[in-house]
Amino acid sequence: MKTLTDATEIMEALFVQGDPVAAARVEAECKRLHLIDTLRVLREKAGLTQSELARKVGVTTARIARMEDPDYEGQSVHDLQTVVAALGMELELRIVKKTVARKRRAKTAGAA
């Protein structure tokens, strides 16, 4: 039996197993977690602590900590835009057809 070492492979094996609904849920969760991690990385690259960013944004440190907590699922677009703007960045949202996004990923994966 093959040993799974890649987190994506493990998620696929445990939760998806060919189920398109489960695959969509896993993909959405991976995107959410990536966004949260990116927010933390941007804050750290700006040389700010959670407290310093909170003061800059005008919220509590606890609110910034919650936004960076992978277990917290209440991040709002407005809160994300506010924090990202305080970091000198801009949050962009896109709406794309799922079929287009899948074709792009397939082409990218084939090129690797």
N, C-alpha and C. Protein backbone atom coordinates (compact mmCIF):
# COMPACT_ATOMS: atom_id res chain seq x y z
N MET A 1 0.83 -1.19 0.00
CA MET A 1 0.00 0.00 0.00
C MET A 1 0.88 1.25 0.00
N LYS A 2 0.50 2.22 -0.81
CA LYS A 2 1.25 3.47 -0.93
C LYS A 2 1.05 4.31 0.33
N THR A 3 2.12 4.90 0.83
CA THR A 3 2.05 5.80 1.97
C THR A 3 1.74 7.20 1.48
N LEU A 4 0.72 7.81 2.07
CA LEU A 4 0.35 9.17 1.70
C LEU A 4 1.14 10.16 2.55
N THR A 5 1.80 11.10 1.90
CA THR A 5 2.56 12.10 2.64
C THR A 5 2.10 13.51 2.34
N ASP A 6 1.46 13.72 1.22
CA ASP A 6 0.99 15.05 0.83
C ASP A 6 -0.38 15.30 1.46
N ALA A 7 -0.55 16.46 2.09
CA ALA A 7 -1.81 16.78 2.76
C ALA A 7 -3.00 16.71 1.81
N THR A 8 -2.80 17.16 0.59
CA THR A 8 -3.89 17.14 -0.40
C THR A 8 -4.29 15.70 -0.71
N GLU A 9 -3.31 14.83 -0.87
CA GLU A 9 -3.61 13.42 -1.13
C GLU A 9 -4.34 12.79 0.03
N ILE A 10 -3.94 13.13 1.25
CA ILE A 10 -4.59 12.58 2.44
C ILE A 10 -6.04 13.06 2.51
N MET A 11 -6.27 14.35 2.26
CA MET A 11 -7.64 14.88 2.26
C MET A 11 -8.48 14.16 1.22
N GLU A 12 -7.92 14.00 0.03
CA GLU A 12 -8.62 13.31 -1.05
C GLU A 12 -9.00 11.89 -0.64
N ALA A 13 -8.04 11.17 -0.09
CA ALA A 13 -8.29 9.78 0.29
C ALA A 13 -9.30 9.65 1.43
N LEU A 14 -9.23 10.55 2.40
CA LEU A 14 -10.11 10.44 3.56
C LEU A 14 -11.51 11.00 3.34
N PHE A 15 -11.62 12.10 2.61
CA PHE A 15 -12.88 12.82 2.57
C PHE A 15 -13.57 12.91 1.22
N VAL A 16 -12.82 12.83 0.14
CA VAL A 16 -13.41 13.08 -1.17
C VAL A 16 -13.81 11.78 -1.86
N GLN A 17 -12.84 10.96 -2.15
CA GLN A 17 -13.05 9.65 -2.78
C GLN A 17 -14.03 9.70 -3.95
N GLY A 18 -13.82 10.66 -4.87
CA GLY A 18 -14.64 10.73 -6.07
C GLY A 18 -15.98 11.43 -5.91
N ASP A 19 -16.29 11.94 -4.73
CA ASP A 19 -17.56 12.64 -4.48
C ASP A 19 -17.39 14.11 -4.85
N PRO A 20 -18.07 14.60 -5.91
CA PRO A 20 -17.88 15.98 -6.34
C PRO A 20 -18.34 17.01 -5.30
N VAL A 21 -19.35 16.71 -4.53
CA VAL A 21 -19.80 17.63 -3.49
C VAL A 21 -18.74 17.74 -2.39
N ALA A 22 -18.20 16.62 -1.98
CA ALA A 22 -17.14 16.63 -0.97
C ALA A 22 -15.90 17.32 -1.52
N ALA A 23 -15.60 17.10 -2.79
CA ALA A 23 -14.44 17.75 -3.41
C ALA A 23 -14.60 19.26 -3.39
N ALA A 24 -15.80 19.74 -3.68
CA ALA A 24 -16.05 21.19 -3.67
C ALA A 24 -15.90 21.75 -2.26
N ARG A 25 -16.37 21.02 -1.25
CA ARG A 25 -16.23 21.47 0.14
C ARG A 25 -14.77 21.54 0.55
N VAL A 26 -14.01 20.53 0.19
CA VAL A 26 -12.59 20.50 0.54
C VAL A 26 -11.87 21.63 -0.17
N GLU A 27 -12.18 21.87 -1.44
CA GLU A 27 -11.53 22.95 -2.18
C GLU A 27 -11.85 24.30 -1.56
N ALA A 28 -13.10 24.52 -1.18
CA ALA A 28 -13.50 25.79 -0.56
C ALA A 28 -12.77 25.98 0.77
N GLU A 29 -12.65 24.93 1.55
CA GLU A 29 -11.95 25.02 2.84
C GLU A 29 -10.47 25.31 2.63
N CYS A 30 -9.87 24.69 1.63
CA CYS A 30 -8.45 24.95 1.34
C CYS A 30 -8.24 26.40 0.94
N LYS A 31 -9.16 26.96 0.15
CA LYS A 31 -9.05 28.36 -0.25
C LYS A 31 -9.20 29.28 0.97
N ARG A 32 -10.14 28.95 1.87
CA ARG A 32 -10.34 29.75 3.08
C ARG A 32 -9.08 29.74 3.93
N LEU A 33 -8.51 28.56 4.13
CA LEU A 33 -7.30 28.44 4.94
C LEU A 33 -6.12 29.17 4.31
N HIS A 34 -6.04 29.12 2.99
CA HIS A 34 -4.96 29.84 2.29
C HIS A 34 -5.11 31.35 2.50
N LEU A 35 -6.33 31.84 2.43
CA LEU A 35 -6.58 33.27 2.63
C LEU A 35 -6.17 33.69 4.04
N ILE A 36 -6.54 32.89 5.03
CA ILE A 36 -6.21 33.21 6.42
C ILE A 36 -4.69 33.21 6.62
N ASP A 37 -4.02 32.22 6.05
CA ASP A 37 -2.56 32.14 6.18
C ASP A 37 -1.90 33.33 5.48
N THR A 38 -2.42 33.71 4.32
CA THR A 38 -1.89 34.86 3.60
C THR A 38 -2.02 36.13 4.42
N LEU A 39 -3.14 36.29 5.09
CA LEU A 39 -3.35 37.45 5.94
C LEU A 39 -2.28 37.53 7.04
N ARG A 40 -2.02 36.41 7.69
CA ARG A 40 -1.00 36.36 8.74
C ARG A 40 0.38 36.67 8.17
N VAL A 41 0.71 36.07 7.03
CA VAL A 41 2.02 36.29 6.39
C VAL A 41 2.20 37.77 6.04
N LEU A 42 1.16 38.39 5.48
CA LEU A 42 1.25 39.81 5.13
C LEU A 42 1.47 40.67 6.37
N ARG A 43 0.77 40.35 7.46
CA ARG A 43 0.96 41.10 8.71
C ARG A 43 2.39 40.97 9.19
N GLU A 44 2.91 39.74 9.18
CA GLU A 44 4.27 39.51 9.65
C GLU A 44 5.30 40.20 8.75
N LYS A 45 5.08 40.17 7.43
CA LYS A 45 5.99 40.85 6.50
C LYS A 45 5.99 42.36 6.71
N ALA A 46 4.84 42.88 7.16
CA ALA A 46 4.75 44.32 7.46
C ALA A 46 5.40 44.64 8.79
N GLY A 47 5.86 43.61 9.52
CA GLY A 47 6.53 43.81 10.79
C GLY A 47 5.59 44.20 11.92
N LEU A 48 4.33 43.80 11.80
CA LEU A 48 3.33 44.15 12.80
C LEU A 48 2.92 42.96 13.65
N THR A 49 2.72 43.21 14.93
CA THR A 49 2.10 42.19 15.79
C THR A 49 0.59 42.28 15.59
N GLN A 50 -0.12 41.31 16.12
CA GLN A 50 -1.58 41.37 16.06
C GLN A 50 -2.09 42.62 16.77
N SER A 51 -1.49 42.96 17.89
CA SER A 51 -1.90 44.15 18.64
C SER A 51 -1.68 45.43 17.85
N GLU A 52 -0.52 45.52 17.20
CA GLU A 52 -0.22 46.71 16.40
C GLU A 52 -1.19 46.85 15.23
N LEU A 53 -1.48 45.74 14.56
CA LEU A 53 -2.43 45.79 13.45
C LEU A 53 -3.83 46.15 13.95
N ALA A 54 -4.19 45.61 15.09
CA ALA A 54 -5.51 45.92 15.67
C ALA A 54 -5.65 47.41 15.93
N ARG A 55 -4.62 48.01 16.52
CA ARG A 55 -4.64 49.46 16.77
C ARG A 55 -4.77 50.24 15.46
N LYS A 56 -4.03 49.80 14.46
CA LYS A 56 -4.04 50.48 13.16
C LYS A 56 -5.42 50.41 12.51
N VAL A 57 -6.09 49.28 12.68
CA VAL A 57 -7.41 49.07 12.07
C VAL A 57 -8.52 49.65 12.95
N GLY A 58 -8.27 49.73 14.25
CA GLY A 58 -9.29 50.23 15.17
C GLY A 58 -10.20 49.15 15.71
N VAL A 59 -9.63 47.95 15.87
CA VAL A 59 -10.38 46.83 16.45
C VAL A 59 -9.56 46.26 17.59
N THR A 60 -10.11 45.25 18.26
CA THR A 60 -9.38 44.62 19.36
C THR A 60 -8.36 43.62 18.82
N THR A 61 -7.37 43.34 19.64
CA THR A 61 -6.38 42.32 19.29
C THR A 61 -7.07 40.97 19.12
N ALA A 62 -8.07 40.72 19.96
CA ALA A 62 -8.80 39.45 19.88
C ALA A 62 -9.47 39.28 18.51
N ARG A 63 -9.94 40.37 17.95
CA ARG A 63 -10.59 40.28 16.64
C ARG A 63 -9.59 39.91 15.55
N ILE A 64 -8.39 40.48 15.61
CA ILE A 64 -7.35 40.11 14.63
C ILE A 64 -6.95 38.66 14.85
N ALA A 65 -6.80 38.26 16.10
CA ALA A 65 -6.43 36.87 16.40
C ALA A 65 -7.49 35.91 15.86
N ARG A 66 -8.76 36.25 16.01
CA ARG A 66 -9.84 35.40 15.48
C ARG A 66 -9.76 35.31 13.96
N MET A 67 -9.50 36.45 13.32
CA MET A 67 -9.42 36.45 11.86
C MET A 67 -8.29 35.56 11.35
N GLU A 68 -7.22 35.44 12.14
CA GLU A 68 -6.08 34.61 11.74
C GLU A 68 -6.20 33.17 12.24
N ASP A 69 -7.25 32.88 12.99
CA ASP A 69 -7.45 31.54 13.56
C ASP A 69 -8.11 30.63 12.52
N PRO A 70 -7.44 29.55 12.11
CA PRO A 70 -8.01 28.65 11.10
C PRO A 70 -9.33 28.01 11.54
N ASP A 71 -9.56 27.90 12.83
CA ASP A 71 -10.79 27.29 13.32
C ASP A 71 -11.97 28.26 13.32
N TYR A 72 -11.70 29.55 13.21
CA TYR A 72 -12.76 30.56 13.18
C TYR A 72 -13.26 30.71 11.76
N GLU A 73 -14.57 30.66 11.58
CA GLU A 73 -15.13 30.72 10.23
C GLU A 73 -15.98 31.96 10.01
N GLY A 74 -15.82 32.98 10.85
CA GLY A 74 -16.66 34.16 10.75
C GLY A 74 -16.00 35.36 10.10
N GLN A 75 -14.92 35.15 9.36
CA GLN A 75 -14.27 36.27 8.69
C GLN A 75 -15.23 36.84 7.65
N SER A 76 -15.42 38.15 7.69
CA SER A 76 -16.29 38.79 6.69
C SER A 76 -15.43 39.46 5.63
N VAL A 77 -16.00 39.65 4.47
CA VAL A 77 -15.28 40.34 3.39
C VAL A 77 -14.92 41.75 3.84
N HIS A 78 -15.83 42.41 4.52
CA HIS A 78 -15.57 43.78 4.99
C HIS A 78 -14.37 43.80 5.94
N ASP A 79 -14.34 42.89 6.91
CA ASP A 79 -13.21 42.84 7.85
C ASP A 79 -11.91 42.56 7.11
N LEU A 80 -11.95 41.62 6.17
CA LEU A 80 -10.74 41.29 5.41
C LEU A 80 -10.27 42.49 4.60
N GLN A 81 -11.20 43.21 3.96
CA GLN A 81 -10.84 44.39 3.18
C GLN A 81 -10.19 45.45 4.07
N THR A 82 -10.74 45.65 5.25
CA THR A 82 -10.23 46.65 6.18
C THR A 82 -8.81 46.32 6.61
N VAL A 83 -8.59 45.07 6.98
CA VAL A 83 -7.27 44.65 7.45
C VAL A 83 -6.26 44.70 6.31
N VAL A 84 -6.65 44.21 5.16
CA VAL A 84 -5.74 44.21 4.01
C VAL A 84 -5.38 45.64 3.62
N ALA A 85 -6.35 46.55 3.66
CA ALA A 85 -6.07 47.96 3.34
C ALA A 85 -5.09 48.56 4.34
N ALA A 86 -5.22 48.18 5.62
CA ALA A 86 -4.30 48.68 6.65
C ALA A 86 -2.88 48.17 6.40
N LEU A 87 -2.76 47.07 5.67
CA LEU A 87 -1.45 46.52 5.34
C LEU A 87 -0.93 47.06 4.01
N GLY A 88 -1.66 48.05 3.45
CA GLY A 88 -1.23 48.66 2.20
C GLY A 88 -1.52 47.83 0.97
N MET A 89 -2.49 46.95 1.10
CA MET A 89 -2.84 46.05 -0.01
C MET A 89 -4.31 46.25 -0.35
N GLU A 90 -4.76 45.56 -1.38
CA GLU A 90 -6.16 45.60 -1.79
C GLU A 90 -6.66 44.18 -1.97
N LEU A 91 -7.84 43.91 -1.46
CA LEU A 91 -8.45 42.58 -1.60
C LEU A 91 -9.25 42.55 -2.89
N GLU A 92 -8.99 41.57 -3.74
CA GLU A 92 -9.75 41.40 -4.97
C GLU A 92 -10.55 40.12 -4.89
N LEU A 93 -11.81 40.21 -5.27
CA LEU A 93 -12.67 39.02 -5.34
C LEU A 93 -13.03 38.81 -6.80
N ARG A 94 -13.10 37.54 -7.21
CA ARG A 94 -13.48 37.23 -8.58
C ARG A 94 -14.58 36.19 -8.56
N ILE A 95 -15.44 36.27 -9.53
CA ILE A 95 -16.45 35.23 -9.73
C ILE A 95 -16.15 34.63 -11.09
N VAL A 96 -15.90 33.32 -11.10
CA VAL A 96 -15.58 32.63 -12.35
C VAL A 96 -16.42 31.36 -12.45
N LYS A 97 -16.66 30.93 -13.66
CA LYS A 97 -17.37 29.67 -13.86
C LYS A 97 -16.48 28.55 -13.36
N LYS A 98 -17.08 27.60 -12.68
CA LYS A 98 -16.31 26.49 -12.15
C LYS A 98 -15.61 25.71 -13.26
N THR A 99 -16.25 25.55 -14.38
CA THR A 99 -15.64 24.78 -15.47
C THR A 99 -14.38 25.46 -15.97
N VAL A 100 -14.38 26.79 -16.03
CA VAL A 100 -13.20 27.54 -16.48
C VAL A 100 -12.07 27.34 -15.48
N ALA A 101 -12.37 27.46 -14.18
CA ALA A 101 -11.35 27.30 -13.15
C ALA A 101 -10.78 25.89 -13.19
N ARG A 102 -11.61 24.90 -13.38
CA ARG A 102 -11.12 23.51 -13.42
C ARG A 102 -10.21 23.28 -14.62
N LYS A 103 -10.58 23.85 -15.78
CA LYS A 103 -9.74 23.68 -16.97
C LYS A 103 -8.38 24.30 -16.77
N ARG A 104 -8.35 25.49 -16.12
CA ARG A 104 -7.06 26.15 -15.86
C ARG A 104 -6.20 25.29 -14.95
N ARG A 105 -6.80 24.75 -13.89
CA ARG A 105 -6.04 23.91 -12.95
C ARG A 105 -5.53 22.67 -13.66
N ALA A 106 -6.34 22.08 -14.52
CA ALA A 106 -5.93 20.89 -15.23
C ALA A 106 -4.75 21.19 -16.16
N LYS A 107 -4.80 22.33 -16.85
CA LYS A 107 -3.69 22.72 -17.73
C LYS A 107 -2.42 22.97 -16.91
N THR A 108 -2.57 23.64 -15.77
CA THR A 108 -1.43 23.93 -14.92
C THR A 108 -0.82 22.64 -14.39
N ALA A 109 -1.67 21.71 -13.97
CA ALA A 109 -1.18 20.44 -13.42
C ALA A 109 -0.50 19.63 -14.53
N GLY A 110 -1.02 19.69 -15.74
CA GLY A 110 -0.42 18.95 -16.85
C GLY A 110 0.94 19.49 -17.25
N ALA A 111 1.15 20.78 -17.02
CA ALA A 111 2.41 21.40 -17.39
C ALA A 111 3.52 21.11 -16.39
N ALA A 112 3.13 20.71 -15.18
CA ALA A 112 4.12 20.48 -14.12
C ALA A 112 4.87 19.19 -14.30
